[in-house]
């Protein structure tokens, strides 16, 4: 079943989320109070509406209440951001992702119904740092965010050794579930597979263990 994604607020963050979802051929419905913003993004996304994000009746009329997931991306107006999340929660939407500008704002958003609070600048910084360190966190696998699926460049001390010889599960707490090499991907490599200099490893483990081994 195709999920419907609602985007409330089309600033830089909201617009980038909406555009990427559209590129991925997901069903998207967007709302913003600014006429020019709506006009600009309507060239790329079909269901874009000018409406007050605090007008519950208008939100229902344009169909945002039917969304399975809603991203509330209000700019610097903290009060409007909080009230918008509360309205979405009141409409029965459970999957609400909300942009926050500081920790206190984030805690309040969580209290009024946000499933996840996003700090765009902080997360962009973390992602950049991960990329610089050759760590690509693909997916968080546990609610506590301790176990993740990630891509890492093979560390130097792995070179020319087999997975069995490295004993990565016992020594480093990781499972190597794939190896990228020369544009090929080896799923579930055998224990006797030798790690090469330019390999990229797909690993599952605790975030801190992956960060430690990727140094």
C-alpha atoms as a PDB file:
ATOM      1  CA  UNK A   1       0.000   0.000   0.000  1.00  0.00           C
ATOM      2  CA  UNK A   2       1.324   3.443  -0.961  1.00  0.00           C
ATOM      3  CA  UNK A   3       1.766   5.721   2.015  1.00  0.00           C
ATOM      4  CA  UNK A   4       0.773   9.370   1.804  1.00  0.00           C
ATOM      5  CA  UNK A   5       3.372  11.817   3.097  1.00  0.00           C
ATOM      6  CA  UNK A   6       2.321  15.245   4.292  1.00  0.00           C
ATOM      7  CA  UNK A   7       4.741  18.179   4.483  1.00  0.00           C
ATOM      8  CA  UNK A   8       3.714  21.201   6.538  1.00  0.00           C
ATOM      9  CA  UNK A   9       5.998  24.170   5.875  1.00  0.00           C
ATOM     10  CA  UNK A  10       8.040  24.479   2.693  1.00  0.00           C
ATOM     11  CA  UNK A  11      11.194  26.222   3.768  1.00  0.00           C
ATOM     12  CA  UNK A  12      14.555  24.798   2.751  1.00  0.00           C
ATOM     13  CA  UNK A  13      14.203  21.722   4.936  1.00  0.00           C
ATOM     14  CA  UNK A  14      10.557  20.982   4.141  1.00  0.00           C
ATOM     15  CA  UNK A  15      11.065  21.573   0.430  1.00  0.00           C
ATOM     16  CA  UNK A  16      14.074  19.244   0.299  1.00  0.00           C
ATOM     17  CA  UNK A  17      12.111  16.480   2.035  1.00  0.00           C
ATOM     18  CA  UNK A  18       9.139  16.957  -0.282  1.00  0.00           C
ATOM     19  CA  UNK A  19      11.250  17.043  -3.442  1.00  0.00           C
ATOM     20  CA  UNK A  20      13.196  13.936  -2.482  1.00  0.00           C
ATOM     21  CA  UNK A  21      10.030  11.990  -1.683  1.00  0.00           C
ATOM     22  CA  UNK A  22       8.604  13.028  -5.047  1.00  0.00           C
ATOM     23  CA  UNK A  23      11.804  11.890  -6.770  1.00  0.00           C
ATOM     24  CA  UNK A  24      11.347   8.530  -5.060  1.00  0.00           C
ATOM     25  CA  UNK A  25       7.842   8.385  -6.555  1.00  0.00           C
ATOM     26  CA  UNK A  26       6.105   8.649  -3.197  1.00  0.00           C
ATOM     27  CA  UNK A  27       2.686  10.258  -2.788  1.00  0.00           C
ATOM     28  CA  UNK A  28       3.199  13.709  -1.296  1.00  0.00           C
ATOM     29  CA  UNK A  29       0.856  16.471  -0.185  1.00  0.00           C
ATOM     30  CA  UNK A  30       2.303  19.828   0.862  1.00  0.00           C
ATOM     31  CA  UNK A  31       0.975  22.863   2.712  1.00  0.00           C
ATOM     32  CA  UNK A  32       2.464  26.318   3.196  1.00  0.00           C
ATOM     33  CA  UNK A  33       0.926  29.697   3.930  1.00  0.00           C
ATOM     34  CA  UNK A  34       3.135  31.599   1.454  1.00  0.00           C
ATOM     35  CA  UNK A  35       1.652  31.952  -2.039  1.00  0.00           C
ATOM     36  CA  UNK A  36       4.994  32.303  -3.856  1.00  0.00           C
ATOM     37  CA  UNK A  37       6.482  29.278  -2.098  1.00  0.00           C
ATOM     38  CA  UNK A  38       3.475  27.171  -3.060  1.00  0.00           C
ATOM     39  CA  UNK A  39       3.640  28.418  -6.648  1.00  0.00           C
ATOM     40  CA  UNK A  40       7.341  27.614  -6.987  1.00  0.00           C
ATOM     41  CA  UNK A  41       7.169  24.071  -5.678  1.00  0.00           C
ATOM     42  CA  UNK A  42       3.920  23.281  -7.521  1.00  0.00           C
ATOM     43  CA  UNK A  43       6.028  23.126 -10.688  1.00  0.00           C
ATOM     44  CA  UNK A  44       7.543  19.923  -9.331  1.00  0.00           C
ATOM     45  CA  UNK A  45       4.890  18.468  -6.997  1.00  0.00           C
ATOM     46  CA  UNK A  46       1.219  18.175  -7.912  1.00  0.00           C
ATOM     47  CA  UNK A  47      -0.534  18.345  -4.553  1.00  0.00           C
ATOM     48  CA  UNK A  48       0.665  21.618  -3.044  1.00  0.00           C
ATOM     49  CA  UNK A  49      -1.762  23.916  -1.255  1.00  0.00           C
ATOM     50  CA  UNK A  50      -1.715  27.381   0.253  1.00  0.00           C
ATOM     51  CA  UNK A  51      -3.242  27.119   3.711  1.00  0.00           C
ATOM     52  CA  UNK A  52      -2.745  28.185   7.300  1.00  0.00           C
ATOM     53  CA  UNK A  53      -1.112  25.264   9.098  1.00  0.00           C
ATOM     54  CA  UNK A  54      -3.137  26.145  12.215  1.00  0.00           C
ATOM     55  CA  UNK A  55      -6.470  26.064  10.367  1.00  0.00           C
ATOM     56  CA  UNK A  56      -7.709  22.572  11.132  1.00  0.00           C
ATOM     57  CA  UNK A  57     -10.675  22.860   8.763  1.00  0.00           C
ATOM     58  CA  UNK A  58      -8.450  23.927   5.858  1.00  0.00           C
ATOM     59  CA  UNK A  59      -5.997  21.104   6.573  1.00  0.00           C
ATOM     60  CA  UNK A  60      -8.826  18.595   6.415  1.00  0.00           C
ATOM     61  CA  UNK A  61     -10.151  20.114   3.186  1.00  0.00           C
ATOM     62  CA  UNK A  62      -6.821  19.839   1.343  1.00  0.00           C
ATOM     63  CA  UNK A  63      -6.339  16.278   2.563  1.00  0.00           C
ATOM     64  CA  UNK A  64      -3.398  16.596   4.933  1.00  0.00           C
ATOM     65  CA  UNK A  65      -5.429  14.781   7.588  1.00  0.00           C
ATOM     66  CA  UNK A  66      -5.361  11.676   5.375  1.00  0.00           C
ATOM     67  CA  UNK A  67      -1.559  11.485   5.439  1.00  0.00           C
ATOM     68  CA  UNK A  68       0.082   8.426   6.978  1.00  0.00           C
ATOM     69  CA  UNK A  69       3.215  10.396   7.845  1.00  0.00           C
ATOM     70  CA  UNK A  70       3.541  14.138   8.388  1.00  0.00           C
ATOM     71  CA  UNK A  71       6.692  16.248   8.526  1.00  0.00           C
ATOM     72  CA  UNK A  72       6.173  19.554  10.308  1.00  0.00           C
ATOM     73  CA  UNK A  73       8.879  21.894   9.057  1.00  0.00           C
ATOM     74  CA  UNK A  74       7.982  25.299  10.449  1.00  0.00           C
ATOM     75  CA  UNK A  75      10.793  27.835  10.529  1.00  0.00           C
ATOM     76  CA  UNK A  76      11.668  30.032  13.493  1.00  0.00           C
ATOM     77  CA  UNK A  77       8.088  30.353  14.755  1.00  0.00           C
ATOM     78  CA  UNK A  78       8.269  27.956  17.696  1.00  0.00           C
ATOM     79  CA  UNK A  79       4.698  28.533  18.867  1.00  0.00           C
ATOM     80  CA  UNK A  80       3.268  27.773  15.420  1.00  0.00           C
ATOM     81  CA  UNK A  81       5.487  24.715  15.148  1.00  0.00           C
ATOM     82  CA  UNK A  82       4.259  23.310  18.467  1.00  0.00           C
ATOM     83  CA  UNK A  83       0.609  24.054  17.754  1.00  0.00           C
ATOM     84  CA  UNK A  84       0.878  22.503  14.294  1.00  0.00           C
ATOM     85  CA  UNK A  85       2.250  19.257  15.732  1.00  0.00           C
ATOM     86  CA  UNK A  86      -0.524  19.229  18.324  1.00  0.00           C
ATOM     87  CA  UNK A  87      -3.133  19.695  15.585  1.00  0.00           C
ATOM     88  CA  UNK A  88      -1.677  16.848  13.523  1.00  0.00           C
ATOM     89  CA  UNK A  89      -1.687  14.625  16.575  1.00  0.00           C
ATOM     90  CA  UNK A  90      -5.300  15.618  17.257  1.00  0.00           C
ATOM     91  CA  UNK A  91      -6.209  14.615  13.703  1.00  0.00           C
ATOM     92  CA  UNK A  92      -5.094  11.088  14.551  1.00  0.00           C
ATOM     93  CA  UNK A  93      -1.764  11.116  12.734  1.00  0.00           C
ATOM     94  CA  UNK A  94       0.717   8.996  14.664  1.00  0.00           C
ATOM     95  CA  UNK A  95       3.853   9.286  12.517  1.00  0.00           C
ATOM     96  CA  UNK A  96       4.796  12.939  12.996  1.00  0.00           C
ATOM     97  CA  UNK A  97       8.329  14.165  12.335  1.00  0.00           C
ATOM     98  CA  UNK A  98       9.007  17.698  13.469  1.00  0.00           C
ATOM     99  CA  UNK A  99      11.852  20.151  12.919  1.00  0.00           C
ATOM    100  CA  UNK A 100      13.241  21.760  16.071  1.00  0.00           C
ATOM    101  CA  UNK A 101      15.668  24.644  16.507  1.00  0.00           C
ATOM    102  CA  UNK A 102      16.854  23.836  20.029  1.00  0.00           C
ATOM    103  CA  UNK A 103      16.600  21.043  22.647  1.00  0.00           C
ATOM    104  CA  UNK A 104      13.789  22.668  24.643  1.00  0.00           C
ATOM    105  CA  UNK A 105      11.746  23.141  21.478  1.00  0.00           C
ATOM    106  CA  UNK A 106      12.392  19.485  20.666  1.00  0.00           C
ATOM    107  CA  UNK A 107      11.225  18.259  24.084  1.00  0.00           C
ATOM    108  CA  UNK A 108       7.977  20.209  23.786  1.00  0.00           C
ATOM    109  CA  UNK A 109       7.350  18.867  20.283  1.00  0.00           C
ATOM    110  CA  UNK A 110       7.784  15.326  21.594  1.00  0.00           C
ATOM    111  CA  UNK A 111       5.342  16.053  24.427  1.00  0.00           C
ATOM    112  CA  UNK A 112       2.601  17.251  22.049  1.00  0.00           C
ATOM    113  CA  UNK A 113       2.855  14.308  19.672  1.00  0.00           C
ATOM    114  CA  UNK A 114       5.997  14.281  17.526  1.00  0.00           C
ATOM    115  CA  UNK A 115       7.256  10.736  16.992  1.00  0.00           C
ATOM    116  CA  UNK A 116      10.694  12.003  16.057  1.00  0.00           C
ATOM    117  CA  UNK A 117      12.268  15.415  16.471  1.00  0.00           C
ATOM    118  CA  UNK A 118      14.774  16.480  13.829  1.00  0.00           C
ATOM    119  CA  UNK A 119      17.569  19.025  14.299  1.00  0.00           C
ATOM    120  CA  UNK A 120      18.515  19.653  10.635  1.00  0.00           C
ATOM    121  CA  UNK A 121      21.731  21.617  11.198  1.00  0.00           C
ATOM    122  CA  UNK A 122      22.966  19.229  13.889  1.00  0.00           C
ATOM    123  CA  UNK A 123      22.127  16.138  11.845  1.00  0.00           C
ATOM    124  CA  UNK A 124      23.700  17.612   8.719  1.00  0.00           C
ATOM    125  CA  UNK A 125      26.840  18.245  10.744  1.00  0.00           C
ATOM    126  CA  UNK A 126      26.837  14.704  12.081  1.00  0.00           C
ATOM    127  CA  UNK A 127      26.292  13.278   8.591  1.00  0.00           C
ATOM    128  CA  UNK A 128      29.135  15.390   7.203  1.00  0.00           C
ATOM    129  CA  UNK A 129      31.432  14.237   9.994  1.00  0.00           C
ATOM    130  CA  UNK A 130      30.449  10.613   9.335  1.00  0.00           C
ATOM    131  CA  UNK A 131      31.175  11.045   5.636  1.00  0.00           C
ATOM    132  CA  UNK A 132      34.544  12.601   6.380  1.00  0.00           C
ATOM    133  CA  UNK A 133      35.291   9.623   8.631  1.00  0.00           C
ATOM    134  CA  UNK A 134      34.127   7.169   5.931  1.00  0.00           C
ATOM    135  CA  UNK A 135      31.107   6.063   7.969  1.00  0.00           C
ATOM    136  CA  UNK A 136      27.706   5.877   6.311  1.00  0.00           C
ATOM    137  CA  UNK A 137      24.934   5.005   8.778  1.00  0.00           C
ATOM    138  CA  UNK A 138      22.277   3.431   6.560  1.00  0.00           C
ATOM    139  CA  UNK A 139      19.660   2.424   9.091  1.00  0.00           C
ATOM    140  CA  UNK A 140      19.099   2.380  12.840  1.00  0.00           C
ATOM    141  CA  UNK A 141      18.013  -1.101  13.868  1.00  0.00           C
ATOM    142  CA  UNK A 142      16.911  -0.577  17.474  1.00  0.00           C
ATOM    143  CA  UNK A 143      14.754   1.913  19.335  1.00  0.00           C
ATOM    144  CA  UNK A 144      17.655   2.886  21.542  1.00  0.00           C
ATOM    145  CA  UNK A 145      19.633   3.711  18.374  1.00  0.00           C
ATOM    146  CA  UNK A 146      22.513   1.535  19.576  1.00  0.00           C
ATOM    147  CA  UNK A 147      22.494  -1.018  16.729  1.00  0.00           C
ATOM    148  CA  UNK A 148      22.905   0.207  13.164  1.00  0.00           C
ATOM    149  CA  UNK A 149      23.520  -0.965   9.614  1.00  0.00           C
ATOM    150  CA  UNK A 150      26.442   0.949   8.119  1.00  0.00           C
ATOM    151  CA  UNK A 151      28.926   1.147   5.261  1.00  0.00           C
ATOM    152  CA  UNK A 152      32.567   1.717   6.193  1.00  0.00           C
ATOM    153  CA  UNK A 153      35.848   1.739   4.364  1.00  0.00           C
ATOM    154  CA  UNK A 154      37.843  -1.344   5.313  1.00  0.00           C
ATOM    155  CA  UNK A 155      40.280  -0.274   8.047  1.00  0.00           C
ATOM    156  CA  UNK A 156      43.971  -0.644   7.317  1.00  0.00           C
ATOM    157  CA  UNK A 157      44.446  -3.447   9.844  1.00  0.00           C
ATOM    158  CA  UNK A 158      41.850  -5.539   7.974  1.00  0.00           C
ATOM    159  CA  UNK A 159      43.864  -5.565   4.733  1.00  0.00           C
ATOM    160  CA  UNK A 160      44.900  -8.974   3.368  1.00  0.00           C
ATOM    161  CA  UNK A 161      43.211 -10.870   6.191  1.00  0.00           C
ATOM    162  CA  UNK A 162      40.204 -13.175   6.069  1.00  0.00           C
ATOM    163  CA  UNK A 163      36.981 -12.542   7.962  1.00  0.00           C
ATOM    164  CA  UNK A 164      37.694 -15.711   9.958  1.00  0.00           C
ATOM    165  CA  UNK A 165      41.209 -14.561  10.824  1.00  0.00           C
ATOM    166  CA  UNK A 166      39.959 -11.147  11.894  1.00  0.00           C
ATOM    167  CA  UNK A 167      37.287 -12.717  14.128  1.00  0.00           C
ATOM    168  CA  UNK A 168      35.324  -9.463  13.857  1.00  0.00           C
ATOM    169  CA  UNK A 169      32.284 -10.710  15.764  1.00  0.00           C
ATOM    170  CA  UNK A 170      34.227 -11.573  18.917  1.00  0.00           C
ATOM    171  CA  UNK A 171      36.965  -8.931  18.720  1.00  0.00           C
ATOM    172  CA  UNK A 172      34.974  -5.955  17.456  1.00  0.00           C
ATOM    173  CA  UNK A 173      31.307  -6.834  18.024  1.00  0.00           C
ATOM    174  CA  UNK A 174      30.484  -6.554  14.312  1.00  0.00           C
ATOM    175  CA  UNK A 175      28.972  -8.733  11.636  1.00  0.00           C
ATOM    176  CA  UNK A 176      30.193  -8.229   8.059  1.00  0.00           C
ATOM    177  CA  UNK A 177      27.149  -8.899   5.905  1.00  0.00           C
ATOM    178  CA  UNK A 178      28.473  -7.611   2.587  1.00  0.00           C
ATOM    179  CA  UNK A 179      31.558  -6.417   0.738  1.00  0.00           C
ATOM    180  CA  UNK A 180      31.607  -3.860  -2.083  1.00  0.00           C
ATOM    181  CA  UNK A 181      34.571  -4.302  -4.414  1.00  0.00           C
ATOM    182  CA  UNK A 182      35.133  -2.948  -7.935  1.00  0.00           C
ATOM    183  CA  UNK A 183      31.441  -2.064  -8.345  1.00  0.00           C
ATOM    184  CA  UNK A 184      30.406  -5.579  -7.318  1.00  0.00           C
ATOM    185  CA  UNK A 185      28.565  -6.467  -4.129  1.00  0.00           C
ATOM    186  CA  UNK A 186      29.201  -9.742  -2.326  1.00  0.00           C
ATOM    187  CA  UNK A 187      26.243 -10.516  -0.067  1.00  0.00           C
ATOM    188  CA  UNK A 188      26.969 -12.640   3.006  1.00  0.00           C
ATOM    189  CA  UNK A 189      30.661 -13.275   2.275  1.00  0.00           C
ATOM    190  CA  UNK A 190      32.251 -16.555   3.358  1.00  0.00           C
ATOM    191  CA  UNK A 191      34.557 -16.680   6.413  1.00  0.00           C
ATOM    192  CA  UNK A 192      37.589 -17.262   4.171  1.00  0.00           C
ATOM    193  CA  UNK A 193      36.932 -14.062   2.174  1.00  0.00           C
ATOM    194  CA  UNK A 194      40.041 -11.850   2.152  1.00  0.00           C
ATOM    195  CA  UNK A 195      39.546  -8.126   2.808  1.00  0.00           C
ATOM    196  CA  UNK A 196      41.285  -5.914   0.260  1.00  0.00           C
ATOM    197  CA  UNK A 197      42.587  -2.365   0.477  1.00  0.00           C
ATOM    198  CA  UNK A 198      39.774  -0.666  -1.435  1.00  0.00           C
ATOM    199  CA  UNK A 199      36.893  -2.722  -0.024  1.00  0.00           C
ATOM    200  CA  UNK A 200      33.815  -1.121   1.480  1.00  0.00           C
ATOM    201  CA  UNK A 201      32.199  -3.227   4.178  1.00  0.00           C
ATOM    202  CA  UNK A 202      28.523  -3.482   5.016  1.00  0.00           C
ATOM    203  CA  UNK A 203      28.402  -4.107   8.761  1.00  0.00           C
ATOM    204  CA  UNK A 204      25.867  -4.499  11.556  1.00  0.00           C
ATOM    205  CA  UNK A 205      26.789  -3.651  15.130  1.00  0.00           C
ATOM    206  CA  UNK A 206      26.658  -1.084  17.881  1.00  0.00           C
ATOM    207  CA  UNK A 207      27.163   2.461  16.691  1.00  0.00           C
ATOM    208  CA  UNK A 208      30.093   3.038  19.053  1.00  0.00           C
ATOM    209  CA  UNK A 209      31.838  -0.159  17.900  1.00  0.00           C
ATOM    210  CA  UNK A 210      31.503   0.862  14.263  1.00  0.00           C
ATOM    211  CA  UNK A 211      32.791   4.361  14.983  1.00  0.00           C
ATOM    212  CA  UNK A 212      35.727   2.906  16.908  1.00  0.00           C
ATOM    213  CA  UNK A 213      36.769   0.505  14.158  1.00  0.00           C
ATOM    214  CA  UNK A 214      36.420   3.142  11.407  1.00  0.00           C
ATOM    215  CA  UNK A 215      39.026   5.440  12.994  1.00  0.00           C
END
